[in-house]
Amino acid sequence: MSFTNDFCFNQRHQGEGDSLNHFLMDCRRLVKNCYYEKAEPQEEKMLVIVVVQGIRDNSVREDILRMDNTYFEKVAEYGRGVELSKARAQKFEDKTRVVQEAGASVVDSVEDLFS
């Protein structure tokens, strides 16, 4: 039933343990079963709306809302970049903490972080 598919798609939100990439790909999968006109602009518009509504990170949402000519791939690329940057920053923080606890110099271990 198309109404059920539309409802499931429109209710999709990024879950607590849900990576942004998983959320985006699930939205892309769900919209394919909806009753929207298959004309690219309507499906694309609905994808962006659901992503903006369902994304957990408010700062990413705000950034997306400031974008001009927003389309799904642009939003997905931006979101993945933010998620990757945050993961790298967390890795750096973790590594820095370990190094500091061990009494070694942070500068000496930065090379190890990116290798």
PDB file of N, CA and C in Angstrom:
ATOM      1  N   MET A   1       0.855  -1.191   0.000  1.00  0.00           N
ATOM      2  CA  MET A   1       0.000   0.000   0.000  1.00  0.00           C
ATOM      3  C   MET A   1       0.894   1.245   0.000  1.00  0.00           C
ATOM      4  N   SER A   2       0.653   2.106  -0.926  1.00  0.00           N
ATOM      5  CA  SER A   2       1.492   3.288  -1.101  1.00  0.00           C
ATOM      6  C   SER A   2       1.430   4.225   0.096  1.00  0.00           C
ATOM      7  N   PHE A   3       0.265   4.406   0.683  1.00  0.00           N
ATOM      8  CA  PHE A   3       0.135   5.300   1.824  1.00  0.00           C
ATOM      9  C   PHE A   3       1.053   4.861   2.968  1.00  0.00           C
ATOM     10  N   THR A   4       1.125   3.565   3.210  1.00  0.00           N
ATOM     11  CA  THR A   4       1.994   3.039   4.263  1.00  0.00           C
ATOM     12  C   THR A   4       3.452   3.331   3.954  1.00  0.00           C
ATOM     13  N   ASN A   5       3.852   3.157   2.708  1.00  0.00           N
ATOM     14  CA  ASN A   5       5.228   3.456   2.315  1.00  0.00           C
ATOM     15  C   ASN A   5       5.546   4.935   2.495  1.00  0.00           C
ATOM     16  N   ASP A   6       4.611   5.790   2.081  1.00  0.00           N
ATOM     17  CA  ASP A   6       4.803   7.237   2.243  1.00  0.00           C
ATOM     18  C   ASP A   6       4.941   7.592   3.714  1.00  0.00           C
ATOM     19  N   PHE A   7       4.081   6.994   4.536  1.00  0.00           N
ATOM     20  CA  PHE A   7       4.108   7.269   5.968  1.00  0.00           C
ATOM     21  C   PHE A   7       5.443   6.837   6.585  1.00  0.00           C
ATOM     22  N   CYS A   8       5.893   5.634   6.263  1.00  0.00           N
ATOM     23  CA  CYS A   8       7.168   5.134   6.806  1.00  0.00           C
ATOM     24  C   CYS A   8       8.326   6.033   6.399  1.00  0.00           C
ATOM     25  N   PHE A   9       8.322   6.453   5.143  1.00  0.00           N
ATOM     26  CA  PHE A   9       9.382   7.337   4.672  1.00  0.00           C
ATOM     27  C   PHE A   9       9.354   8.666   5.419  1.00  0.00           C
ATOM     28  N   ASN A  10       8.179   9.262   5.541  1.00  0.00           N
ATOM     29  CA  ASN A  10       8.064  10.574   6.174  1.00  0.00           C
ATOM     30  C   ASN A  10       8.326  10.545   7.672  1.00  0.00           C
ATOM     31  N   GLN A  11       8.207   9.384   8.290  1.00  0.00           N
ATOM     32  CA  GLN A  11       8.451   9.259   9.726  1.00  0.00           C
ATOM     33  C   GLN A  11       9.886   8.867  10.039  1.00  0.00           C
ATOM     34  N   ARG A  12      10.705   8.635   9.040  1.00  0.00           N
ATOM     35  CA  ARG A  12      12.082   8.153   9.257  1.00  0.00           C
ATOM     36  C   ARG A  12      12.933   9.237   9.918  1.00  0.00           C
ATOM     37  N   HIS A  13      13.542   8.887  11.027  1.00  0.00           N
ATOM     38  CA  HIS A  13      14.465   9.756  11.742  1.00  0.00           C
ATOM     39  C   HIS A  13      15.736   8.968  12.037  1.00  0.00           C
ATOM     40  N   GLN A  14      16.824   9.666  12.138  1.00  0.00           N
ATOM     41  CA  GLN A  14      18.099   9.030  12.451  1.00  0.00           C
ATOM     42  C   GLN A  14      18.054   8.546  13.892  1.00  0.00           C
ATOM     43  N   GLY A  15      18.247   7.257  14.077  1.00  0.00           N
ATOM     44  CA  GLY A  15      18.212   6.676  15.415  1.00  0.00           C
ATOM     45  C   GLY A  15      19.490   6.955  16.193  1.00  0.00           C
ATOM     46  N   GLU A  16      19.463   6.674  17.457  1.00  0.00           N
ATOM     47  CA  GLU A  16      20.596   6.946  18.347  1.00  0.00           C
ATOM     48  C   GLU A  16      21.890   6.277  17.887  1.00  0.00           C
ATOM     49  N   GLY A  17      21.829   5.029  17.491  1.00  0.00           N
ATOM     50  CA  GLY A  17      23.033   4.335  17.059  1.00  0.00           C
ATOM     51  C   GLY A  17      23.192   4.306  15.543  1.00  0.00           C
ATOM     52  N   ASP A  18      22.369   5.058  14.868  1.00  0.00           N
ATOM     53  CA  ASP A  18      22.300   5.075  13.410  1.00  0.00           C
ATOM     54  C   ASP A  18      23.355   6.024  12.838  1.00  0.00           C
ATOM     55  N   SER A  19      24.267   5.507  12.018  1.00  0.00           N
ATOM     56  CA  SER A  19      25.232   6.404  11.381  1.00  0.00           C
ATOM     57  C   SER A  19      24.486   7.275  10.374  1.00  0.00           C
ATOM     58  N   LEU A  20      25.049   8.413  10.084  1.00  0.00           N
ATOM     59  CA  LEU A  20      24.428   9.304   9.123  1.00  0.00           C
ATOM     60  C   LEU A  20      24.345   8.625   7.753  1.00  0.00           C
ATOM     61  N   ASN A  21      25.383   7.929   7.370  1.00  0.00           N
ATOM     62  CA  ASN A  21      25.378   7.246   6.080  1.00  0.00           C
ATOM     63  C   ASN A  21      24.250   6.211   6.005  1.00  0.00           C
ATOM     64  N   HIS A  22      24.063   5.444   7.063  1.00  0.00           N
ATOM     65  CA  HIS A  22      22.973   4.460   7.092  1.00  0.00           C
ATOM     66  C   HIS A  22      21.617   5.157   6.978  1.00  0.00           C
ATOM     67  N   PHE A  23      21.443   6.235   7.719  1.00  0.00           N
ATOM     68  CA  PHE A  23      20.199   7.004   7.669  1.00  0.00           C
ATOM     69  C   PHE A  23      19.932   7.515   6.247  1.00  0.00           C
ATOM     70  N   LEU A  24      20.949   8.082   5.609  1.00  0.00           N
ATOM     71  CA  LEU A  24      20.790   8.619   4.255  1.00  0.00           C
ATOM     72  C   LEU A  24      20.434   7.529   3.251  1.00  0.00           C
ATOM     73  N   MET A  25      21.132   6.398   3.338  1.00  0.00           N
ATOM     74  CA  MET A  25      20.865   5.309   2.397  1.00  0.00           C
ATOM     75  C   MET A  25      19.485   4.697   2.629  1.00  0.00           C
ATOM     76  N   ASP A  26      19.056   4.642   3.890  1.00  0.00           N
ATOM     77  CA  ASP A  26      17.728   4.124   4.184  1.00  0.00           C
ATOM     78  C   ASP A  26      16.658   5.068   3.637  1.00  0.00           C
ATOM     79  N   CYS A  27      16.875   6.364   3.762  1.00  0.00           N
ATOM     80  CA  CYS A  27      15.931   7.334   3.186  1.00  0.00           C
ATOM     81  C   CYS A  27      15.849   7.156   1.677  1.00  0.00           C
ATOM     82  N   ARG A  28      17.004   6.995   1.041  1.00  0.00           N
ATOM     83  CA  ARG A  28      17.055   6.800  -0.416  1.00  0.00           C
ATOM     84  C   ARG A  28      16.272   5.536  -0.805  1.00  0.00           C
ATOM     85  N   ARG A  29      16.416   4.474  -0.016  1.00  0.00           N
ATOM     86  CA  ARG A  29      15.705   3.216  -0.291  1.00  0.00           C
ATOM     87  C   ARG A  29      14.198   3.389  -0.089  1.00  0.00           C
ATOM     88  N   LEU A  30      13.812   4.040   1.005  1.00  0.00           N
ATOM     89  CA  LEU A  30      12.398   4.193   1.334  1.00  0.00           C
ATOM     90  C   LEU A  30      11.646   5.050   0.326  1.00  0.00           C
ATOM     91  N   VAL A  31      12.280   6.096  -0.170  1.00  0.00           N
ATOM     92  CA  VAL A  31      11.577   6.995  -1.093  1.00  0.00           C
ATOM     93  C   VAL A  31      11.231   6.290  -2.402  1.00  0.00           C
ATOM     94  N   LYS A  32      11.991   5.272  -2.758  1.00  0.00           N
ATOM     95  CA  LYS A  32      11.733   4.548  -4.007  1.00  0.00           C
ATOM     96  C   LYS A  32      10.383   3.828  -3.991  1.00  0.00           C
ATOM     97  N   ASN A  33       9.861   3.536  -2.793  1.00  0.00           N
ATOM     98  CA  ASN A  33       8.587   2.831  -2.664  1.00  0.00           C
ATOM     99  C   ASN A  33       7.406   3.771  -2.451  1.00  0.00           C
ATOM    100  N   CYS A  34       7.661   5.054  -2.487  1.00  0.00           N
ATOM    101  CA  CYS A  34       6.607   6.032  -2.231  1.00  0.00           C
ATOM    102  C   CYS A  34       5.838   6.380  -3.493  1.00  0.00           C
ATOM    103  N   TYR A  35       4.743   7.042  -3.280  1.00  0.00           N
ATOM    104  CA  TYR A  35       3.841   7.380  -4.372  1.00  0.00           C
ATOM    105  C   TYR A  35       4.161   8.736  -4.994  1.00  0.00           C
ATOM    106  N   TYR A  36       5.260   9.342  -4.649  1.00  0.00           N
ATOM    107  CA  TYR A  36       5.619  10.614  -5.248  1.00  0.00           C
ATOM    108  C   TYR A  36       5.828  10.418  -6.733  1.00  0.00           C
ATOM    109  N   GLU A  37       5.573  11.474  -7.463  1.00  0.00           N
ATOM    110  CA  GLU A  37       5.863  11.402  -8.892  1.00  0.00           C
ATOM    111  C   GLU A  37       7.325  11.037  -9.031  1.00  0.00           C
ATOM    112  N   LYS A  38       7.601  10.153  -9.937  1.00  0.00           N
ATOM    113  CA  LYS A  38       8.975   9.720 -10.115  1.00  0.00           C
ATOM    114  C   LYS A  38       9.801  10.799 -10.803  1.00  0.00           C
ATOM    115  N   ALA A  39       9.144  11.888 -11.119  1.00  0.00           N
ATOM    116  CA  ALA A  39       9.897  13.019 -11.658  1.00  0.00           C
ATOM    117  C   ALA A  39      10.935  13.404 -10.613  1.00  0.00           C
ATOM    118  N   GLU A  40      12.137  13.498 -11.040  1.00  0.00           N
ATOM    119  CA  GLU A  40      13.280  13.722 -10.141  1.00  0.00           C
ATOM    120  C   GLU A  40      13.076  14.862  -9.137  1.00  0.00           C
ATOM    121  N   PRO A  41      12.557  16.025  -9.543  1.00  0.00           N
ATOM    122  CA  PRO A  41      12.478  17.133  -8.574  1.00  0.00           C
ATOM    123  C   PRO A  41      11.633  16.839  -7.340  1.00  0.00           C
ATOM    124  N   GLN A  42      10.489  16.169  -7.498  1.00  0.00           N
ATOM    125  CA  GLN A  42       9.635  15.917  -6.331  1.00  0.00           C
ATOM    126  C   GLN A  42      10.269  14.894  -5.398  1.00  0.00           C
ATOM    127  N   GLU A  43      10.782  13.815  -5.942  1.00  0.00           N
ATOM    128  CA  GLU A  43      11.421  12.798  -5.113  1.00  0.00           C
ATOM    129  C   GLU A  43      12.643  13.385  -4.401  1.00  0.00           C
ATOM    130  N   GLU A  44      13.419  14.157  -5.133  1.00  0.00           N
ATOM    131  CA  GLU A  44      14.617  14.803  -4.582  1.00  0.00           C
ATOM    132  C   GLU A  44      14.242  15.753  -3.451  1.00  0.00           C
ATOM    133  N   LYS A  45      13.223  16.549  -3.671  1.00  0.00           N
ATOM    134  CA  LYS A  45      12.762  17.508  -2.663  1.00  0.00           C
ATOM    135  C   LYS A  45      12.306  16.784  -1.397  1.00  0.00           C
ATOM    136  N   MET A  46      11.559  15.709  -1.557  1.00  0.00           N
ATOM    137  CA  MET A  46      11.075  14.961  -0.404  1.00  0.00           C
ATOM    138  C   MET A  46      12.229  14.311   0.361  1.00  0.00           C
ATOM    139  N   LEU A  47      13.223  13.836  -0.354  1.00  0.00           N
ATOM    140  CA  LEU A  47      14.405  13.258   0.300  1.00  0.00           C
ATOM    141  C   LEU A  47      15.082  14.286   1.197  1.00  0.00           C
ATOM    142  N   VAL A  48      15.298  15.475   0.668  1.00  0.00           N
ATOM    143  CA  VAL A  48      15.967  16.525   1.447  1.00  0.00           C
ATOM    144  C   VAL A  48      15.121  16.907   2.650  1.00  0.00           C
ATOM    145  N   ILE A  49      13.815  17.028   2.480  1.00  0.00           N
ATOM    146  CA  ILE A  49      12.933  17.399   3.587  1.00  0.00           C
ATOM    147  C   ILE A  49      13.008  16.361   4.702  1.00  0.00           C
ATOM    148  N   VAL A  50      12.917  15.085   4.359  1.00  0.00           N
ATOM    149  CA  VAL A  50      12.957  14.032   5.380  1.00  0.00           C
ATOM    150  C   VAL A  50      14.321  14.001   6.074  1.00  0.00           C
ATOM    151  N   VAL A  51      15.388  14.185   5.326  1.00  0.00           N
ATOM    152  CA  VAL A  51      16.723  14.207   5.938  1.00  0.00           C
ATOM    153  C   VAL A  51      16.847  15.378   6.901  1.00  0.00           C
ATOM    154  N   VAL A  52      16.407  16.558   6.485  1.00  0.00           N
ATOM    155  CA  VAL A  52      16.494  17.737   7.364  1.00  0.00           C
ATOM    156  C   VAL A  52      15.659  17.530   8.621  1.00  0.00           C
ATOM    157  N   GLN A  53      14.488  16.958   8.478  1.00  0.00           N
ATOM    158  CA  GLN A  53      13.630  16.718   9.644  1.00  0.00           C
ATOM    159  C   GLN A  53      14.186  15.625  10.545  1.00  0.00           C
ATOM    160  N   GLY A  54      14.818  14.615   9.946  1.00  0.00           N
ATOM    161  CA  GLY A  54      15.176  13.431  10.711  1.00  0.00           C
ATOM    162  C   GLY A  54      16.597  13.362  11.218  1.00  0.00           C
ATOM    163  N   ILE A  55      17.445  14.271  10.794  1.00  0.00           N
ATOM    164  CA  ILE A  55      18.849  14.208  11.199  1.00  0.00           C
ATOM    165  C   ILE A  55      18.992  14.573  12.679  1.00  0.00           C
ATOM    166  N   ARG A  56      19.860  13.876  13.400  1.00  0.00           N
ATOM    167  CA  ARG A  56      20.044  14.101  14.842  1.00  0.00           C
ATOM    168  C   ARG A  56      20.832  15.359  15.157  1.00  0.00           C
ATOM    169  N   ASP A  57      21.818  15.661  14.346  1.00  0.00           N
ATOM    170  CA  ASP A  57      22.753  16.750  14.632  1.00  0.00           C
ATOM    171  C   ASP A  57      22.170  18.100  14.199  1.00  0.00           C
ATOM    172  N   ASN A  58      21.806  18.919  15.182  1.00  0.00           N
ATOM    173  CA  ASN A  58      21.188  20.215  14.883  1.00  0.00           C
ATOM    174  C   ASN A  58      22.107  21.148  14.112  1.00  0.00           C
ATOM    175  N   SER A  59      23.402  21.088  14.375  1.00  0.00           N
ATOM    176  CA  SER A  59      24.317  21.979  13.652  1.00  0.00           C
ATOM    177  C   SER A  59      24.382  21.604  12.174  1.00  0.00           C
ATOM    178  N   VAL A  60      24.326  20.323  11.868  1.00  0.00           N
ATOM    179  CA  VAL A  60      24.302  19.886  10.465  1.00  0.00           C
ATOM    180  C   VAL A  60      22.992  20.334   9.829  1.00  0.00           C
ATOM    181  N   ARG A  61      21.885  20.186  10.552  1.00  0.00           N
ATOM    182  CA  ARG A  61      20.583  20.629  10.044  1.00  0.00           C
ATOM    183  C   ARG A  61      20.620  22.123   9.715  1.00  0.00           C
ATOM    184  N   GLU A  62      21.160  22.913  10.627  1.00  0.00           N
ATOM    185  CA  GLU A  62      21.240  24.355  10.394  1.00  0.00           C
ATOM    186  C   GLU A  62      22.086  24.668   9.164  1.00  0.00           C
ATOM    187  N   ASP A  63      23.199  23.970   9.010  1.00  0.00           N
ATOM    188  CA  ASP A  63      24.059  24.191   7.847  1.00  0.00           C
ATOM    189  C   ASP A  63      23.340  23.834   6.550  1.00  0.00           C
ATOM    190  N   ILE A  64      22.607  22.736   6.561  1.00  0.00           N
ATOM    191  CA  ILE A  64      21.862  22.324   5.371  1.00  0.00           C
ATOM    192  C   ILE A  64      20.809  23.377   5.021  1.00  0.00           C
ATOM    193  N   LEU A  65      20.135  23.887   6.033  1.00  0.00           N
ATOM    194  CA  LEU A  65      19.093  24.889   5.782  1.00  0.00           C
ATOM    195  C   LEU A  65      19.668  26.194   5.224  1.00  0.00           C
ATOM    196  N   ARG A  66      20.946  26.447   5.448  1.00  0.00           N
ATOM    197  CA  ARG A  66      21.590  27.647   4.899  1.00  0.00           C
ATOM    198  C   ARG A  66      22.087  27.449   3.463  1.00  0.00           C
ATOM    199  N   MET A  67      22.122  26.219   2.988  1.00  0.00           N
ATOM    200  CA  MET A  67      22.635  25.934   1.644  1.00  0.00           C
ATOM    201  C   MET A  67      21.690  26.453   0.572  1.00  0.00           C
ATOM    202  N   ASP A  68      22.276  26.875  -0.542  1.00  0.00           N
ATOM    203  CA  ASP A  68      21.494  27.235  -1.723  1.00  0.00           C
ATOM    204  C   ASP A  68      21.426  26.020  -2.641  1.00  0.00           C
ATOM    205  N   ASN A  69      20.361  25.921  -3.408  1.00  0.00           N
ATOM    206  CA  ASN A  69      20.212  24.836  -4.387  1.00  0.00           C
ATOM    207  C   ASN A  69      20.478  23.471  -3.750  1.00  0.00           C
ATOM    208  N   THR A  70      19.787  23.199  -2.684  1.00  0.00           N
ATOM    209  CA  THR A  70      19.993  21.966  -1.937  1.00  0.00           C
ATOM    210  C   THR A  70      19.390  20.778  -2.679  1.00  0.00           C
ATOM    211  N   TYR A  71      20.189  19.748  -2.844  1.00  0.00           N
ATOM    212  CA  TYR A  71      19.713  18.498  -3.404  1.00  0.00           C
ATOM    213  C   TYR A  71      20.341  17.366  -2.601  1.00  0.00           C
ATOM    214  N   PHE A  72      19.770  16.157  -2.705  1.00  0.00           N
ATOM    215  CA  PHE A  72      20.127  15.063  -1.815  1.00  0.00           C
ATOM    216  C   PHE A  72      21.616  14.745  -1.822  1.00  0.00           C
ATOM    217  N   GLU A  73      22.217  14.616  -2.985  1.00  0.00           N
ATOM    218  CA  GLU A  73      23.635  14.240  -3.031  1.00  0.00           C
ATOM    219  C   GLU A  73      24.521  15.297  -2.378  1.00  0.00           C
ATOM    220  N   LYS A  74      24.163  16.550  -2.531  1.00  0.00           N
ATOM    221  CA  LYS A  74      24.916  17.642  -1.892  1.00  0.00           C
ATOM    222  C   LYS A  74      24.785  17.542  -0.371  1.00  0.00           C
ATOM    223  N   VAL A  75      23.579  17.297   0.104  1.00  0.00           N
ATOM    224  CA  VAL A  75      23.325  17.132   1.536  1.00  0.00           C
ATOM    225  C   VAL A  75      24.058  15.908   2.068  1.00  0.00           C
ATOM    226  N   ALA A  76      23.993  14.808   1.327  1.00  0.00           N
ATOM    227  CA  ALA A  76      24.648  13.567   1.752  1.00  0.00           C
ATOM    228  C   ALA A  76      26.159  13.749   1.820  1.00  0.00           C
ATOM    229  N   GLU A  77      26.725  14.388   0.813  1.00  0.00           N
ATOM    230  CA  GLU A  77      28.175  14.619   0.789  1.00  0.00           C
ATOM    231  C   GLU A  77      28.600  15.500   1.963  1.00  0.00           C
ATOM    232  N   TYR A  78      27.839  16.551   2.214  1.00  0.00           N
ATOM    233  CA  TYR A  78      28.157  17.436   3.331  1.00  0.00           C
ATOM    234  C   TYR A  78      28.054  16.675   4.658  1.00  0.00           C
ATOM    235  N   GLY A  79      26.961  15.962   4.852  1.00  0.00           N
ATOM    236  CA  GLY A  79      26.754  15.226   6.097  1.00  0.00           C
ATOM    237  C   GLY A  79      27.818  14.176   6.348  1.00  0.00           C
ATOM    238  N   ARG A  80      28.189  13.454   5.300  1.00  0.00           N
ATOM    239  CA  ARG A  80      29.249  12.443   5.443  1.00  0.00           C
ATOM    240  C   ARG A  80      30.575  13.099   5.798  1.00  0.00           C
ATOM    241  N   GLY A  81      30.846  14.265   5.209  1.00  0.00           N
ATOM    242  CA  GLY A  81      32.073  14.995   5.523  1.00  0.00           C
ATOM    243  C   GLY A  81      32.119  15.417   6.979  1.00  0.00           C
ATOM    244  N   VAL A  82      30.996  15.896   7.486  1.00  0.00           N
ATOM    245  CA  VAL A  82      30.919  16.293   8.898  1.00  0.00           C
ATOM    246  C   VAL A  82      31.115  15.079   9.793  1.00  0.00           C
ATOM    247  N   GLU A  83      30.453  13.977   9.467  1.00  0.00           N
ATOM    248  CA  GLU A  83      30.570  12.763  10.271  1.00  0.00           C
ATOM    249  C   GLU A  83      32.013  12.256  10.283  1.00  0.00           C
ATOM    250  N   LEU A  84      32.672  12.279   9.132  1.00  0.00           N
ATOM    251  CA  LEU A  84      34.067  11.857   9.042  1.00  0.00           C
ATOM    252  C   LEU A  84      34.972  12.783   9.847  1.00  0.00           C
ATOM    253  N   SER A  85      34.747  14.084   9.744  1.00  0.00           N
ATOM    254  CA  SER A  85      35.547  15.051  10.502  1.00  0.00           C
ATOM    255  C   SER A  85      35.402  14.846  12.011  1.00  0.00           C
ATOM    256  N   LYS A  86      34.163  14.601  12.438  1.00  0.00           N
ATOM    257  CA  LYS A  86      33.926  14.374  13.867  1.00  0.00           C
ATOM    258  C   LYS A  86      34.607  13.092  14.331  1.00  0.00           C
ATOM    259  N   ALA A  87      34.573  12.060  13.506  1.00  0.00           N
ATOM    260  CA  ALA A  87      35.235  10.803  13.868  1.00  0.00           C
ATOM    261  C   ALA A  87      36.750  11.008  13.971  1.00  0.00           C
ATOM    262  N   ARG A  88      37.304  11.749  13.035  1.00  0.00           N
ATOM    263  CA  ARG A  88      38.744  12.027  13.086  1.00  0.00           C
ATOM    264  C   ARG A  88      39.107  12.873  14.293  1.00  0.00           C
ATOM    265  N   ALA A  89      38.293  13.861  14.597  1.00  0.00           N
ATOM    266  CA  ALA A  89      38.549  14.713  15.756  1.00  0.00           C
ATOM    267  C   ALA A  89      38.488  13.891  17.040  1.00  0.00           C
ATOM    268  N   GLN A  90      37.518  12.964  17.121  1.00  0.00           N
ATOM    269  CA  GLN A  90      37.408  12.105  18.297  1.00  0.00           C
ATOM    270  C   GLN A  90      38.616  11.197  18.411  1.00  0.00           C
ATOM    271  N   LYS A  91      39.060  10.669  17.295  1.00  0.00           N
ATOM    272  CA  LYS A  91      40.255   9.815  17.289  1.00  0.00           C
ATOM    273  C   LYS A  91      41.465  10.605  17.769  1.00  0.00           C
ATOM    274  N   PHE A  92      41.578  11.840  17.302  1.00  0.00           N
ATOM    275  CA  PHE A  92      42.678  12.706  17.718  1.00  0.00           C
ATOM    276  C   PHE A  92      42.611  12.985  19.217  1.00  0.00           C
ATOM    277  N   GLU A  93      41.406  13.296  19.710  1.00  0.00           N
ATOM    278  CA  GLU A  93      41.218  13.532  21.149  1.00  0.00           C
ATOM    279  C   GLU A  93      41.612  12.307  21.962  1.00  0.00           C
ATOM    280  N   ASP A  94      41.151  11.143  21.538  1.00  0.00           N
ATOM    281  CA  ASP A  94      41.458   9.904  22.246  1.00  0.00           C
ATOM    282  C   ASP A  94      42.961   9.650  22.258  1.00  0.00           C
ATOM    283  N   LYS A  95      43.583   9.829  21.122  1.00  0.00           N
ATOM    284  CA  LYS A  95      45.021   9.600  21.008  1.00  0.00           C
ATOM    285  C   LYS A  95      45.785  10.596  21.879  1.00  0.00           C
ATOM    286  N   THR A  96      45.355  11.860  21.856  1.00  0.00           N
ATOM    287  CA  THR A  96      46.000  12.888  22.658  1.00  0.00           C
ATOM    288  C   THR A  96      45.899  12.560  24.144  1.00  0.00           C
ATOM    289  N   ARG A  97      44.742  12.108  24.565  1.00  0.00           N
ATOM    290  CA  ARG A  97      44.536  11.765  25.969  1.00  0.00           C
ATOM    291  C   ARG A  97      45.463  10.612  26.380  1.00  0.00           C
ATOM    292  N   VAL A  98      45.554   9.602  25.543  1.00  0.00           N
ATOM    293  CA  VAL A  98      46.417   8.460  25.837  1.00  0.00           C
ATOM    294  C   VAL A  98      47.875   8.903  25.919  1.00  0.00           C
ATOM    295  N   VAL A  99      48.273   9.727  24.970  1.00  0.00           N
ATOM    296  CA  VAL A  99      49.660  10.205  24.944  1.00  0.00           C
ATOM    297  C   VAL A  99      49.956  11.045  26.176  1.00  0.00           C
ATOM    298  N   GLN A 100      49.046  11.921  26.532  1.00  0.00           N
ATOM    299  CA  GLN A 100      49.252  12.763  27.702  1.00  0.00           C
ATOM    300  C   GLN A 100      49.293  11.936  28.977  1.00  0.00           C
ATOM    301  N   GLU A 101      48.456  10.940  29.058  1.00  0.00           N
ATOM    302  CA  GLU A 101      48.460  10.070  30.230  1.00  0.00           C
ATOM    303  C   GLU A 101      49.759   9.275  30.314  1.00  0.00           C
ATOM    304  N   ALA A 102      50.320   8.966  29.169  1.00  0.00           N
ATOM    305  CA  ALA A 102      51.580   8.220  29.142  1.00  0.00           C
ATOM    306  C   ALA A 102      52.778   9.133  29.349  1.00  0.00           C
ATOM    307  N   GLY A 103      52.541  10.440  29.330  1.00  0.00           N
ATOM    308  CA  GLY A 103      53.616  11.384  29.560  1.00  0.00           C
ATOM    309  C   GLY A 103      54.447  11.687  28.324  1.00  0.00           C
ATOM    310  N   ALA A 104      54.028  11.218  27.167  1.00  0.00           N
ATOM    311  CA  ALA A 104      54.774  11.484  25.935  1.00  0.00           C
ATOM    312  C   ALA A 104      54.301  12.784  25.316  1.00  0.00           C
ATOM    313  N   SER A 105      55.049  13.263  24.381  1.00  0.00           N
ATOM    314  CA  SER A 105      54.724  14.500  23.692  1.00  0.00           C
ATOM    315  C   SER A 105      53.647  14.250  22.645  1.00  0.00           C
ATOM    316  N   VAL A 106      52.654  15.134  22.578  1.00  0.00           N
ATOM    317  CA  VAL A 106      51.592  15.031  21.597  1.00  0.00           C
ATOM    318  C   VAL A 106      52.167  15.158  20.194  1.00  0.00           C
ATOM    319  N   VAL A 107      53.099  16.031  20.021  1.00  0.00           N
ATOM    320  CA  VAL A 107      53.685  16.259  18.703  1.00  0.00           C
ATOM    321  C   VAL A 107      54.327  14.976  18.174  1.00  0.00           C
ATOM    322  N   ASP A 108      54.984  14.217  19.027  1.00  0.00           N
ATOM    323  CA  ASP A 108      55.652  12.991  18.590  1.00  0.00           C
ATOM    324  C   ASP A 108      54.669  11.937  18.095  1.00  0.00           C
ATOM    325  N   SER A 109      53.433  11.991  18.548  1.00  0.00           N
ATOM    326  CA  SER A 109      52.493  10.939  18.183  1.00  0.00           C
ATOM    327  C   SER A 109      51.491  11.357  17.111  1.00  0.00           C
ATOM    328  N   VAL A 110      51.507  12.612  16.688  1.00  0.00           N
ATOM    329  CA  VAL A 110      50.565  13.059  15.673  1.00  0.00           C
ATOM    330  C   VAL A 110      50.747  12.286  14.376  1.00  0.00           C
ATOM    331  N   GLU A 111      51.977  11.974  14.015  1.00  0.00           N
ATOM    332  CA  GLU A 111      52.238  11.201  12.802  1.00  0.00           C
ATOM    333  C   GLU A 111      51.545   9.847  12.873  1.00  0.00           C
ATOM    334  N   ASP A 112      51.555   9.222  14.015  1.00  0.00           N
ATOM    335  CA  ASP A 112      50.922   7.911  14.175  1.00  0.00           C
ATOM    336  C   ASP A 112      49.415   7.988  13.948  1.00  0.00           C
ATOM    337  N   LEU A 113      48.836   9.124  14.298  1.00  0.00           N
ATOM    338  CA  LEU A 113      47.395   9.312  14.180  1.00  0.00           C
ATOM    339  C   LEU A 113      46.922   9.201  12.744  1.00  0.00           C
ATOM    340  N   PHE A 114      47.680   9.700  11.797  1.00  0.00           N
ATOM    341  CA  PHE A 114      47.258   9.740  10.409  1.00  0.00           C
ATOM    342  C   PHE A 114      47.903   8.671   9.542  1.00  0.00           C
ATOM    343  N   SER A 115      48.561   7.731  10.159  1.00  0.00           N
ATOM    344  CA  SER A 115      49.178   6.676   9.369  1.00  0.00           C
ATOM    345  C   SER A 115      48.315   5.431   9.339  1.00  0.00           C
TER     346      SER A 115
END
